[in-house]
Each structure stands twice: as C-alpha cells, then as structure tokens.
PDB file of N, CA and C in Angstrom:
ATOM      1  N   MET A   1    -209.166 253.485  81.172  1.00  0.00           N
ATOM      2  CA  MET A   1    -207.987 253.677  80.588  1.00  0.00           C
ATOM      3  C   MET A   1    -207.429 255.147  80.492  1.00  0.00           C
ATOM      4  N   ARG A   2    -208.795 255.764  79.697  1.00  0.00           N
ATOM      5  CA  ARG A   2    -208.295 257.374  79.584  1.00  0.00           C
ATOM      6  C   ARG A   2    -208.067 258.184  80.909  1.00  0.00           C
ATOM      7  N   PHE A   3    -209.099 257.618  81.827  1.00  0.00           N
ATOM      8  CA  PHE A   3    -208.922 258.253  83.389  1.00  0.00           C
ATOM      9  C   PHE A   3    -207.626 258.054  83.864  1.00  0.00           C
ATOM     10  N   LEU A   4    -206.832 256.830  83.755  1.00  0.00           N
ATOM     11  CA  LEU A   4    -205.783 256.602  84.200  1.00  0.00           C
ATOM     12  C   LEU A   4    -204.459 257.484  83.700  1.00  0.00           C
ATOM     13  N   ALA A   5    -204.795 257.713  82.202  1.00  0.00           N
ATOM     14  CA  ALA A   5    -203.700 258.283  81.642  1.00  0.00           C
ATOM     15  C   ALA A   5    -203.649 259.809  82.139  1.00  0.00           C
ATOM     16  N   ILE A   6    -205.075 260.413  82.286  1.00  0.00           N
ATOM     17  CA  ILE A   6    -205.108 261.941  82.528  1.00  0.00           C
ATOM     18  C   ILE A   6    -204.638 261.874  83.865  1.00  0.00           C
ATOM     19  N   SER A   7    -204.752 261.108  84.921  1.00  0.00           N
ATOM     20  CA  SER A   7    -204.225 261.109  86.089  1.00  0.00           C
ATOM     21  C   SER A   7    -202.850 261.166  86.344  1.00  0.00           C
ATOM     22  N   PHE A   8    -202.234 260.233  85.408  1.00  0.00           N
ATOM     23  CA  PHE A   8    -200.691 260.322  85.438  1.00  0.00           C
ATOM     24  C   PHE A   8    -200.215 261.765  84.718  1.00  0.00           C
ATOM     25  N   CYS A   9    -200.981 262.155  83.871  1.00  0.00           N
ATOM     26  CA  CYS A   9    -200.295 263.583  83.347  1.00  0.00           C
ATOM     27  C   CYS A   9    -200.488 264.348  84.540  1.00  0.00           C
ATOM     28  N   ALA A  10    -201.743 264.491  85.290  1.00  0.00           N
ATOM     29  CA  ALA A  10    -202.046 265.551  86.284  1.00  0.00           C
ATOM     30  C   ALA A  10    -200.899 265.503  87.398  1.00  0.00           C
ATOM     31  N   LEU A  11    -200.198 264.009  87.734  1.00  0.00           N
ATOM     32  CA  LEU A  11    -199.313 263.922  88.699  1.00  0.00           C
ATOM     33  C   LEU A  11    -198.214 264.185  88.161  1.00  0.00           C
ATOM     34  N   ALA A  12    -197.537 264.497  87.039  1.00  0.00           N
ATOM     35  CA  ALA A  12    -196.572 264.827  86.340  1.00  0.00           C
ATOM     36  C   ALA A  12    -196.468 266.521  86.573  1.00  0.00           C
ATOM     37  N   LEU A  13    -197.464 267.188  86.147  1.00  0.00           N
ATOM     38  CA  LEU A  13    -197.379 268.369  86.128  1.00  0.00           C
ATOM     39  C   LEU A  13    -197.644 269.004  87.402  1.00  0.00           C
ATOM     40  N   LEU A  14    -198.202 268.460  88.509  1.00  0.00           N
ATOM     41  CA  LEU A  14    -198.395 269.014  89.913  1.00  0.00           C
ATOM     42  C   LEU A  14    -197.316 269.652  90.322  1.00  0.00           C
ATOM     43  N   PRO A  15    -196.129 268.894  90.530  1.00  0.00           N
ATOM     44  CA  PRO A  15    -194.890 269.713  91.169  1.00  0.00           C
ATOM     45  C   PRO A  15    -194.756 270.951  90.470  1.00  0.00           C
ATOM     46  N   ALA A  16    -194.796 271.265  89.164  1.00  0.00           N
ATOM     47  CA  ALA A  16    -194.485 272.445  88.633  1.00  0.00           C
ATOM     48  C   ALA A  16    -195.577 273.351  88.823  1.00  0.00           C
ATOM     49  N   ALA A  17    -196.661 273.234  88.856  1.00  0.00           N
ATOM     50  CA  ALA A  17    -197.636 274.030  89.017  1.00  0.00           C
ATOM     51  C   ALA A  17    -197.591 274.424  90.408  1.00  0.00           C
ATOM     52  N   SER A  18    -197.348 273.582  91.432  1.00  0.00           N
ATOM     53  CA  SER A  18    -197.289 274.145  92.948  1.00  0.00           C
ATOM     54  C   SER A  18    -196.475 274.851  93.207  1.00  0.00           C
ATOM     55  N   GLY A  19    -195.066 275.227  92.316  1.00  0.00           N
ATOM     56  CA  GLY A  19    -194.334 275.879  93.069  1.00  0.00           C
ATOM     57  C   GLY A  19    -193.031 275.289  93.660  1.00  0.00           C
ATOM     58  N   ALA A  20    -193.455 274.134  94.071  1.00  0.00           N
ATOM     59  CA  ALA A  20    -192.241 273.445  94.978  1.00  0.00           C
ATOM     60  C   ALA A  20    -190.836 273.431  94.036  1.00  0.00           C
ATOM     61  N   GLN A  21    -190.894 273.863  93.019  1.00  0.00           N
ATOM     62  CA  GLN A  21    -189.417 273.427  92.276  1.00  0.00           C
ATOM     63  C   GLN A  21    -188.909 274.883  92.316  1.00  0.00           C
ATOM     64  N   GLN A  22    -189.648 275.858  92.681  1.00  0.00           N
ATOM     65  CA  GLN A  22    -188.803 277.196  92.621  1.00  0.00           C
ATOM     66  C   GLN A  22    -187.893 277.470  93.487  1.00  0.00           C
ATOM     67  N   SER A  23    -186.671 278.138  93.382  1.00  0.00           N
ATOM     68  CA  SER A  23    -185.509 278.625  94.176  1.00  0.00           C
ATOM     69  C   SER A  23    -186.171 279.647  95.263  1.00  0.00           C
ATOM     70  N   ALA A  24    -185.279 279.580  96.174  1.00  0.00           N
ATOM     71  CA  ALA A  24    -185.587 280.429  97.263  1.00  0.00           C
ATOM     72  C   ALA A  24    -185.014 281.809  97.063  1.00  0.00           C
ATOM     73  N   GLN A  25    -183.868 281.995  96.215  1.00  0.00           N
ATOM     74  CA  GLN A  25    -183.303 283.169  95.768  1.00  0.00           C
ATOM     75  C   GLN A  25    -183.670 283.194  94.481  1.00  0.00           C
ATOM     76  N   ASN A  26    -184.597 284.127  94.093  1.00  0.00           N
ATOM     77  CA  ASN A  26    -185.021 284.568  92.684  1.00  0.00           C
ATOM     78  C   ASN A  26    -183.833 285.674  91.866  1.00  0.00           C
ATOM     79  N   SER A  27    -182.893 286.300  92.785  1.00  0.00           N
ATOM     80  CA  SER A  27    -182.320 287.490  92.316  1.00  0.00           C
ATOM     81  C   SER A  27    -180.928 286.669  91.776  1.00  0.00           C
ATOM     82  N   VAL A  28    -180.566 285.422  92.168  1.00  0.00           N
ATOM     83  CA  VAL A  28    -179.341 284.991  91.753  1.00  0.00           C
ATOM     84  C   VAL A  28    -179.748 284.142  90.374  1.00  0.00           C
ATOM     85  N   LYS A  29    -179.069 284.544  89.286  1.00  0.00           N
ATOM     86  CA  LYS A  29    -179.215 283.933  88.212  1.00  0.00           C
ATOM     87  C   LYS A  29    -177.764 283.093  87.866  1.00  0.00           C
ATOM     88  N   GLY A  30    -177.836 282.225  87.284  1.00  0.00           N
ATOM     89  CA  GLY A  30    -176.682 281.129  86.827  1.00  0.00           C
ATOM     90  C   GLY A  30    -175.927 280.679  87.901  1.00  0.00           C
ATOM     91  N   PRO A  31    -174.761 280.073  87.929  1.00  0.00           N
ATOM     92  CA  PRO A  31    -173.871 279.475  88.695  1.00  0.00           C
ATOM     93  C   PRO A  31    -173.055 280.582  89.350  1.00  0.00           C
ATOM     94  N   THR A  32    -172.711 280.402  90.599  1.00  0.00           N
ATOM     95  CA  THR A  32    -171.897 281.322  91.208  1.00  0.00           C
ATOM     96  C   THR A  32    -170.155 280.599  91.751  1.00  0.00           C
ATOM     97  N   VAL A  33    -169.553 281.514  92.114  1.00  0.00           N
ATOM     98  CA  VAL A  33    -168.206 281.168  92.626  1.00  0.00           C
ATOM     99  C   VAL A  33    -168.319 280.067  93.843  1.00  0.00           C
ATOM    100  N   GLN A  34    -169.378 280.900  94.944  1.00  0.00           N
ATOM    101  CA  GLN A  34    -169.207 280.049  96.182  1.00  0.00           C
ATOM    102  C   GLN A  34    -170.017 278.576  95.818  1.00  0.00           C
ATOM    103  N   ALA A  35    -170.983 278.534  95.074  1.00  0.00           N
ATOM    104  CA  ALA A  35    -171.675 277.176  94.741  1.00  0.00           C
ATOM    105  C   ALA A  35    -170.207 276.404  94.090  1.00  0.00           C
ATOM    106  N   ALA A  36    -169.535 276.848  93.415  1.00  0.00           N
ATOM    107  CA  ALA A  36    -168.442 275.970  92.492  1.00  0.00           C
ATOM    108  C   ALA A  36    -167.510 275.632  93.636  1.00  0.00           C
ATOM    109  N   SER A  37    -167.310 276.276  94.624  1.00  0.00           N
ATOM    110  CA  SER A  37    -165.903 275.711  95.884  1.00  0.00           C
ATOM    111  C   SER A  37    -166.454 274.440  96.284  1.00  0.00           C
ATOM    112  N   VAL A  38    -165.378 273.858  96.459  1.00  0.00           N
ATOM    113  CA  VAL A  38    -165.469 272.312  97.131  1.00  0.00           C
ATOM    114  C   VAL A  38    -164.741 272.503  98.324  1.00  0.00           C
ATOM    115  N   GLY A  39    -165.069 271.787  99.759  1.00  0.00           N
ATOM    116  CA  GLY A  39    -164.519 272.030 100.490  1.00  0.00           C
ATOM    117  C   GLY A  39    -165.561 272.498 101.841  1.00  0.00           C
ATOM    118  N   PHE A  40    -164.697 272.766 102.887  1.00  0.00           N
ATOM    119  CA  PHE A  40    -165.375 273.431 104.325  1.00  0.00           C
ATOM    120  C   PHE A  40    -165.255 275.078 103.882  1.00  0.00           C
ATOM    121  N   ARG A  41    -165.932 275.533 104.403  1.00  0.00           N
ATOM    122  CA  ARG A  41    -165.963 277.111 104.463  1.00  0.00           C
ATOM    123  C   ARG A  41    -166.038 277.647 105.892  1.00  0.00           C
ATOM    124  N   VAL A  42    -165.092 278.395 106.380  1.00  0.00           N
ATOM    125  CA  VAL A  42    -165.061 279.036 107.671  1.00  0.00           C
ATOM    126  C   VAL A  42    -165.641 280.297 107.837  1.00  0.00           C
ATOM    127  N   SER A  43    -166.663 280.149 108.600  1.00  0.00           N
ATOM    128  CA  SER A  43    -167.584 281.521 108.877  1.00  0.00           C
ATOM    129  C   SER A  43    -167.042 282.298 110.080  1.00  0.00           C
ATOM    130  N   ASP A  44    -167.312 283.347 110.117  1.00  0.00           N
ATOM    131  CA  ASP A  44    -166.771 284.590 111.245  1.00  0.00           C
ATOM    132  C   ASP A  44    -167.500 284.291 112.341  1.00  0.00           C
ATOM    133  N   ALA A  45    -168.625 283.724 112.358  1.00  0.00           N
ATOM    134  CA  ALA A  45    -169.421 283.505 113.392  1.00  0.00           C
ATOM    135  C   ALA A  45    -168.888 282.891 114.553  1.00  0.00           C
ATOM    136  N   ARG A  46    -169.127 283.088 115.845  1.00  0.00           N
ATOM    137  CA  ARG A  46    -168.425 282.428 116.710  1.00  0.00           C
ATOM    138  C   ARG A  46    -169.320 281.435 117.217  1.00  0.00           C
ATOM    139  N   VAL A  47    -168.575 280.110 117.367  1.00  0.00           N
ATOM    140  CA  VAL A  47    -169.225 278.729 117.506  1.00  0.00           C
ATOM    141  C   VAL A  47    -169.065 278.653 119.073  1.00  0.00           C
ATOM    142  N   ASP A  48    -169.914 278.390 119.980  1.00  0.00           N
ATOM    143  CA  ASP A  48    -169.872 277.861 121.320  1.00  0.00           C
ATOM    144  C   ASP A  48    -170.486 276.816 121.393  1.00  0.00           C
ATOM    145  N   ALA A  49    -170.459 276.191 122.607  1.00  0.00           N
ATOM    146  CA  ALA A  49    -170.930 274.664 122.912  1.00  0.00           C
ATOM    147  C   ALA A  49    -172.228 274.426 122.685  1.00  0.00           C
ATOM    148  N   SER A  50    -173.298 275.422 122.541  1.00  0.00           N
ATOM    149  CA  SER A  50    -174.658 275.451 122.330  1.00  0.00           C
ATOM    150  C   SER A  50    -175.230 275.274 120.889  1.00  0.00           C
ATOM    151  N   THR A  51    -174.282 275.603 119.976  1.00  0.00           N
ATOM    152  CA  THR A  51    -174.350 275.732 118.570  1.00  0.00           C
ATOM    153  C   THR A  51    -173.752 274.266 117.833  1.00  0.00           C
ATOM    154  N   LYS A  52    -172.944 273.618 118.857  1.00  0.00           N
ATOM    155  CA  LYS A  52    -172.328 272.677 117.889  1.00  0.00           C
ATOM    156  C   LYS A  52    -173.305 271.374 117.813  1.00  0.00           C
ATOM    157  N   VAL A  53    -172.977 270.801 116.605  1.00  0.00           N
ATOM    158  CA  VAL A  53    -173.789 269.431 116.330  1.00  0.00           C
ATOM    159  C   VAL A  53    -173.359 268.213 116.604  1.00  0.00           C
ATOM    160  N   THR A  54    -173.543 267.539 117.297  1.00  0.00           N
ATOM    161  CA  THR A  54    -172.738 265.967 117.591  1.00  0.00           C
ATOM    162  C   THR A  54    -173.318 265.021 116.331  1.00  0.00           C
ATOM    163  N   ALA A  55    -172.163 264.383 116.013  1.00  0.00           N
ATOM    164  CA  ALA A  55    -172.374 263.463 114.811  1.00  0.00           C
ATOM    165  C   ALA A  55    -173.063 262.070 115.557  1.00  0.00           C
ATOM    166  N   ALA A  56    -173.971 261.420 114.844  1.00  0.00           N
ATOM    167  CA  ALA A  56    -174.603 260.238 115.013  1.00  0.00           C
ATOM    168  C   ALA A  56    -173.644 259.015 115.164  1.00  0.00           C
ATOM    169  N   PRO A  57    -173.667 258.382 116.254  1.00  0.00           N
ATOM    170  CA  PRO A  57    -172.803 257.212 116.374  1.00  0.00           C
ATOM    171  C   PRO A  57    -172.651 256.207 114.998  1.00  0.00           C
ATOM    172  N   ILE A  58    -171.314 255.861 114.965  1.00  0.00           N
ATOM    173  CA  ILE A  58    -171.045 255.081 113.690  1.00  0.00           C
ATOM    174  C   ILE A  58    -171.522 253.591 113.908  1.00  0.00           C
ATOM    175  N   ARG A  59    -172.226 253.021 113.069  1.00  0.00           N
ATOM    176  CA  ARG A  59    -172.731 251.470 113.107  1.00  0.00           C
ATOM    177  C   ARG A  59    -171.922 250.763 112.231  1.00  0.00           C
ATOM    178  N   PRO A  60    -170.995 250.137 112.537  1.00  0.00           N
ATOM    179  CA  PRO A  60    -170.031 249.412 111.694  1.00  0.00           C
ATOM    180  C   PRO A  60    -170.687 248.346 110.803  1.00  0.00           C
ATOM    181  N   HIS A  61    -171.567 247.721 110.868  1.00  0.00           N
ATOM    182  CA  HIS A  61    -172.161 246.744 110.489  1.00  0.00           C
ATOM    183  C   HIS A  61    -173.702 246.821 109.919  1.00  0.00           C
ATOM    184  N   GLU A  62    -173.949 248.219 109.823  1.00  0.00           N
ATOM    185  CA  GLU A  62    -175.090 248.713 109.292  1.00  0.00           C
ATOM    186  C   GLU A  62    -175.488 248.257 108.013  1.00  0.00           C
ATOM    187  N   GLY A  63    -174.517 248.253 106.636  1.00  0.00           N
ATOM    188  CA  GLY A  63    -174.753 247.859 105.642  1.00  0.00           C
ATOM    189  C   GLY A  63    -175.067 246.394 105.423  1.00  0.00           C
ATOM    190  N   GLN A  64    -174.317 245.544 106.215  1.00  0.00           N
ATOM    191  CA  GLN A  64    -174.358 244.032 106.143  1.00  0.00           C
ATOM    192  C   GLN A  64    -175.643 243.815 106.737  1.00  0.00           C
ATOM    193  N   ASP A  65    -176.016 244.269 107.703  1.00  0.00           N
ATOM    194  CA  ASP A  65    -177.675 244.010 108.483  1.00  0.00           C
ATOM    195  C   ASP A  65    -178.694 244.632 107.297  1.00  0.00           C
ATOM    196  N   VAL A  66    -178.700 245.367 106.410  1.00  0.00           N
ATOM    197  CA  VAL A  66    -179.485 245.672 105.396  1.00  0.00           C
ATOM    198  C   VAL A  66    -179.372 244.938 104.447  1.00  0.00           C
ATOM    199  N   ALA A  67    -178.358 244.230 103.958  1.00  0.00           N
ATOM    200  CA  ALA A  67    -177.851 243.235 102.917  1.00  0.00           C
ATOM    201  C   ALA A  67    -178.553 241.819 103.392  1.00  0.00           C
ATOM    202  N   LEU A  68    -178.363 241.582 104.667  1.00  0.00           N
ATOM    203  CA  LEU A  68    -179.141 240.318 105.029  1.00  0.00           C
ATOM    204  C   LEU A  68    -180.666 240.425 104.976  1.00  0.00           C
ATOM    205  N   MET A  69    -181.099 241.375 105.341  1.00  0.00           N
ATOM    206  CA  MET A  69    -182.733 241.523 105.327  1.00  0.00           C
ATOM    207  C   MET A  69    -182.989 241.542 103.890  1.00  0.00           C
ATOM    208  N   VAL A  70    -182.236 242.304 102.697  1.00  0.00           N
ATOM    209  CA  VAL A  70    -182.860 242.036 101.364  1.00  0.00           C
ATOM    210  C   VAL A  70    -182.446 240.690 101.009  1.00  0.00           C
ATOM    211  N   VAL A  71    -181.545 240.066 101.079  1.00  0.00           N
ATOM    212  CA  VAL A  71    -181.390 238.793 100.746  1.00  0.00           C
ATOM    213  C   VAL A  71    -182.201 237.795 101.393  1.00  0.00           C
ATOM    214  N   GLY A  72    -182.661 237.985 102.469  1.00  0.00           N
ATOM    215  CA  GLY A  72    -183.588 237.258 103.016  1.00  0.00           C
ATOM    216  C   GLY A  72    -185.052 237.237 102.321  1.00  0.00           C
ATOM    217  N   VAL A  73    -185.267 238.441 102.116  1.00  0.00           N
ATOM    218  CA  VAL A  73    -186.712 238.655 101.521  1.00  0.00           C
ATOM    219  C   VAL A  73    -186.762 237.991 100.057  1.00  0.00           C
ATOM    220  N   GLY A  74    -185.623 238.418  99.512  1.00  0.00           N
ATOM    221  CA  GLY A  74    -185.504 237.706  98.168  1.00  0.00           C
ATOM    222  C   GLY A  74    -185.359 236.211  98.230  1.00  0.00           C
ATOM    223  N   ALA A  75    -185.048 235.443  99.054  1.00  0.00           N
ATOM    224  CA  ALA A  75    -184.961 234.009  99.508  1.00  0.00           C
ATOM    225  C   ALA A  75    -186.435 233.718  99.641  1.00  0.00           C
ATOM    226  N   MET A  76    -187.205 234.422 100.488  1.00  0.00           N
ATOM    227  CA  MET A  76    -188.651 234.178 100.263  1.00  0.00           C
ATOM    228  C   MET A  76    -189.427 234.505  99.160  1.00  0.00           C
ATOM    229  N   ILE A  77    -189.302 235.185  98.557  1.00  0.00           N
ATOM    230  CA  ILE A  77    -189.853 235.298  97.064  1.00  0.00           C
ATOM    231  C   ILE A  77    -189.570 234.327  96.386  1.00  0.00           C
ATOM    232  N   VAL A  78    -188.267 233.806  96.165  1.00  0.00           N
ATOM    233  CA  VAL A  78    -187.839 232.683  95.309  1.00  0.00           C
ATOM    234  C   VAL A  78    -188.616 231.365  95.845  1.00  0.00           C
ATOM    235  N   GLY A  79    -188.531 231.208  97.395  1.00  0.00           N
ATOM    236  CA  GLY A  79    -189.154 230.242  97.919  1.00  0.00           C
ATOM    237  C   GLY A  79    -190.594 229.973  97.568  1.00  0.00           C
ATOM    238  N   ALA A  80    -191.271 231.152  97.490  1.00  0.00           N
ATOM    239  CA  ALA A  80    -192.475 231.132  97.002  1.00  0.00           C
ATOM    240  C   ALA A  80    -192.950 230.866  95.689  1.00  0.00           C
ATOM    241  N   LEU A  81    -191.900 231.007  94.852  1.00  0.00           N
ATOM    242  CA  LEU A  81    -192.221 230.288  93.464  1.00  0.00           C
ATOM    243  C   LEU A  81    -191.737 228.750  93.210  1.00  0.00           C
ATOM    244  N   VAL A  82    -190.867 228.259  94.200  1.00  0.00           N
ATOM    245  CA  VAL A  82    -190.547 226.902  93.925  1.00  0.00           C
ATOM    246  C   VAL A  82    -191.526 226.098  94.722  1.00  0.00           C
ATOM    247  N   GLN A  83    -192.069 224.987  94.185  1.00  0.00           N
ATOM    248  CA  GLN A  83    -193.052 224.331  94.356  1.00  0.00           C
ATOM    249  C   GLN A  83    -192.417 223.293  95.703  1.00  0.00           C
ATOM    250  N   HIS A  84    -193.679 223.052  96.400  1.00  0.00           N
ATOM    251  CA  HIS A  84    -193.518 221.525  97.334  1.00  0.00           C
ATOM    252  C   HIS A  84    -192.653 222.043  98.693  1.00  0.00           C
ATOM    253  N   THR A  85    -191.872 221.071  98.996  1.00  0.00           N
ATOM    254  CA  THR A  85    -191.014 221.060 100.312  1.00  0.00           C
ATOM    255  C   THR A  85    -189.935 221.770 100.287  1.00  0.00           C
ATOM    256  N   ALA A  86    -189.109 221.750  99.029  1.00  0.00           N
ATOM    257  CA  ALA A  86    -188.115 222.747  98.772  1.00  0.00           C
ATOM    258  C   ALA A  86    -188.316 224.231  99.003  1.00  0.00           C
ATOM    259  N   GLY A  87    -189.645 224.539  98.307  1.00  0.00           N
ATOM    260  CA  GLY A  87    -190.132 226.002  98.570  1.00  0.00           C
ATOM    261  C   GLY A  87    -190.038 226.471 100.140  1.00  0.00           C
ATOM    262  N   THR A  88    -190.706 225.270 100.570  1.00  0.00           N
ATOM    263  CA  THR A  88    -191.070 225.709 102.128  1.00  0.00           C
ATOM    264  C   THR A  88    -189.552 226.095 102.815  1.00  0.00           C
ATOM    265  N   ILE A  89    -188.861 225.020 102.569  1.00  0.00           N
ATOM    266  CA  ILE A  89    -187.444 225.391 103.129  1.00  0.00           C
ATOM    267  C   ILE A  89    -186.863 226.599 102.871  1.00  0.00           C
ATOM    268  N   ILE A  90    -187.023 226.989 101.525  1.00  0.00           N
ATOM    269  CA  ILE A  90    -186.219 228.009 101.297  1.00  0.00           C
ATOM    270  C   ILE A  90    -187.051 229.642 101.945  1.00  0.00           C
ATOM    271  N   VAL A  91    -188.263 229.417 101.852  1.00  0.00           N
ATOM    272  CA  VAL A  91    -189.144 230.355 102.436  1.00  0.00           C
ATOM    273  C   VAL A  91    -188.589 230.577 103.946  1.00  0.00           C
ATOM    274  N   ILE A  92    -188.497 229.428 104.798  1.00  0.00           N
ATOM    275  CA  ILE A  92    -188.424 229.384 106.125  1.00  0.00           C
ATOM    276  C   ILE A  92    -186.735 230.135 106.324  1.00  0.00           C
ATOM    277  N   GLY A  93    -185.766 229.564 105.479  1.00  0.00           N
ATOM    278  CA  GLY A  93    -184.682 230.064 105.601  1.00  0.00           C
ATOM    279  C   GLY A  93    -184.471 231.525 105.125  1.00  0.00           C
ATOM    280  N   GLY A  94    -185.168 232.095 104.467  1.00  0.00           N
ATOM    281  CA  GLY A  94    -185.001 233.565 104.063  1.00  0.00           C
ATOM    282  C   GLY A  94    -185.812 234.464 104.826  1.00  0.00           C
ATOM    283  N   ALA A  95    -186.627 233.876 105.624  1.00  0.00           N
ATOM    284  CA  ALA A  95    -187.355 234.454 106.773  1.00  0.00           C
ATOM    285  C   ALA A  95    -186.519 234.523 108.041  1.00  0.00           C
ATOM    286  N   GLY A  96    -185.846 233.559 108.153  1.00  0.00           N
ATOM    287  CA  GLY A  96    -184.671 233.498 109.393  1.00  0.00           C
ATOM    288  C   GLY A  96    -183.732 234.537 108.969  1.00  0.00           C
ATOM    289  N   MET A  97    -183.389 234.478 107.734  1.00  0.00           N
ATOM    290  CA  MET A  97    -182.354 235.364 107.393  1.00  0.00           C
ATOM    291  C   MET A  97    -182.627 236.964 107.565  1.00  0.00           C
ATOM    292  N   ALA A  98    -183.706 237.010 107.212  1.00  0.00           N
ATOM    293  CA  ALA A  98    -184.505 238.475 107.226  1.00  0.00           C
ATOM    294  C   ALA A  98    -184.676 239.206 108.371  1.00  0.00           C
ATOM    295  N   LEU A  99    -185.218 238.026 109.345  1.00  0.00           N
ATOM    296  CA  LEU A  99    -185.332 238.488 110.719  1.00  0.00           C
ATOM    297  C   LEU A  99    -184.097 238.514 111.517  1.00  0.00           C
ATOM    298  N   TYR A 100    -183.009 237.987 111.417  1.00  0.00           N
ATOM    299  CA  TYR A 100    -181.725 238.095 111.896  1.00  0.00           C
ATOM    300  C   TYR A 100    -180.939 239.236 111.606  1.00  0.00           C
ATOM    301  N   GLY A 101    -181.290 239.643 110.245  1.00  0.00           N
ATOM    302  CA  GLY A 101    -180.694 241.128 109.704  1.00  0.00           C
ATOM    303  C   GLY A 101    -181.501 242.002 110.290  1.00  0.00           C
ATOM    304  N   LEU A 102    -182.718 242.051 110.580  1.00  0.00           N
ATOM    305  CA  LEU A 102    -183.657 243.272 111.237  1.00  0.00           C
ATOM    306  C   LEU A 102    -183.370 243.310 112.537  1.00  0.00           C
ATOM    307  N   TYR A 103    -183.012 242.178 113.112  1.00  0.00           N
ATOM    308  CA  TYR A 103    -182.743 242.095 114.520  1.00  0.00           C
ATOM    309  C   TYR A 103    -181.538 243.155 114.908  1.00  0.00           C
ATOM    310  N   ASN A 104    -180.490 242.580 114.095  1.00  0.00           N
ATOM    311  CA  ASN A 104    -179.025 243.257 114.478  1.00  0.00           C
ATOM    312  C   ASN A 104    -179.312 244.824 113.955  1.00  0.00           C
ATOM    313  N   TYR A 105    -179.901 244.965 112.870  1.00  0.00           N
ATOM    314  CA  TYR A 105    -180.149 246.463 112.380  1.00  0.00           C
ATOM    315  C   TYR A 105    -180.937 247.325 113.573  1.00  0.00           C
ATOM    316  N   LEU A 106    -181.671 246.777 114.239  1.00  0.00           N
ATOM    317  CA  LEU A 106    -182.624 247.471 115.093  1.00  0.00           C
ATOM    318  C   LEU A 106    -181.683 247.397 116.538  1.00  0.00           C
ATOM    319  N   GLU A 107    -180.773 246.658 116.725  1.00  0.00           N
ATOM    320  CA  GLU A 107    -179.769 246.577 117.883  1.00  0.00           C
ATOM    321  C   GLU A 107    -179.219 247.826 118.044  1.00  0.00           C
TER     322      GLU A 107
END
C-alpha cells in the first residue's frame, strides 16, 4: 500500500519536474493585449495556394453514431447484470446497436 501511494505521488510530480509545463516564451510575463483579443487576425504574409489548409469534410451524423455506440455498450453492461434470458436479449440488442453505430461512424 505504501508503494502504491509513493508511486501516485511520483506520477503527480513527474510533469512539473520534466519541464513539460514550461512556456516557450519566458520573456513574456503576464497577460498581453494580443492574447486578450477575440476573432481572426489578418497577417501581412502573402497566402498562396500552397499554404492554404483545406477543412476536413463535415460529417452530419457523427454525434449520433457515437451516441449509438455509447448506448449500445451501456445496454451490454446492463444486460450482463440482468439474469437469465432477459439479460441475454439485452446484451444482444446492445451489441447490435453498438455495431450499427460503429458501422455508420466508420463509413
């Protein structure tokens, strides 16, 4: 038990000791006006066709597919807790729902 507590403390202190939380600009102290601005910034750099970034295609039902997978896995867990034939039916229905959501998500 003592070893487990020591290892949790070591994991909590590890990011601070490794310097991963340090900022890249040490010269700037405190908030700046640029960080407080909201919206798009216009840069003076010329943008040509090679520097444009294309947006990912919009998937209209992505949230619904993820919800189907989550509800299906939840139904499988509930079905595992329910005894006998009713639990088996709930597990099979949940698996079908989760697989249908996964199929639509990957499509």
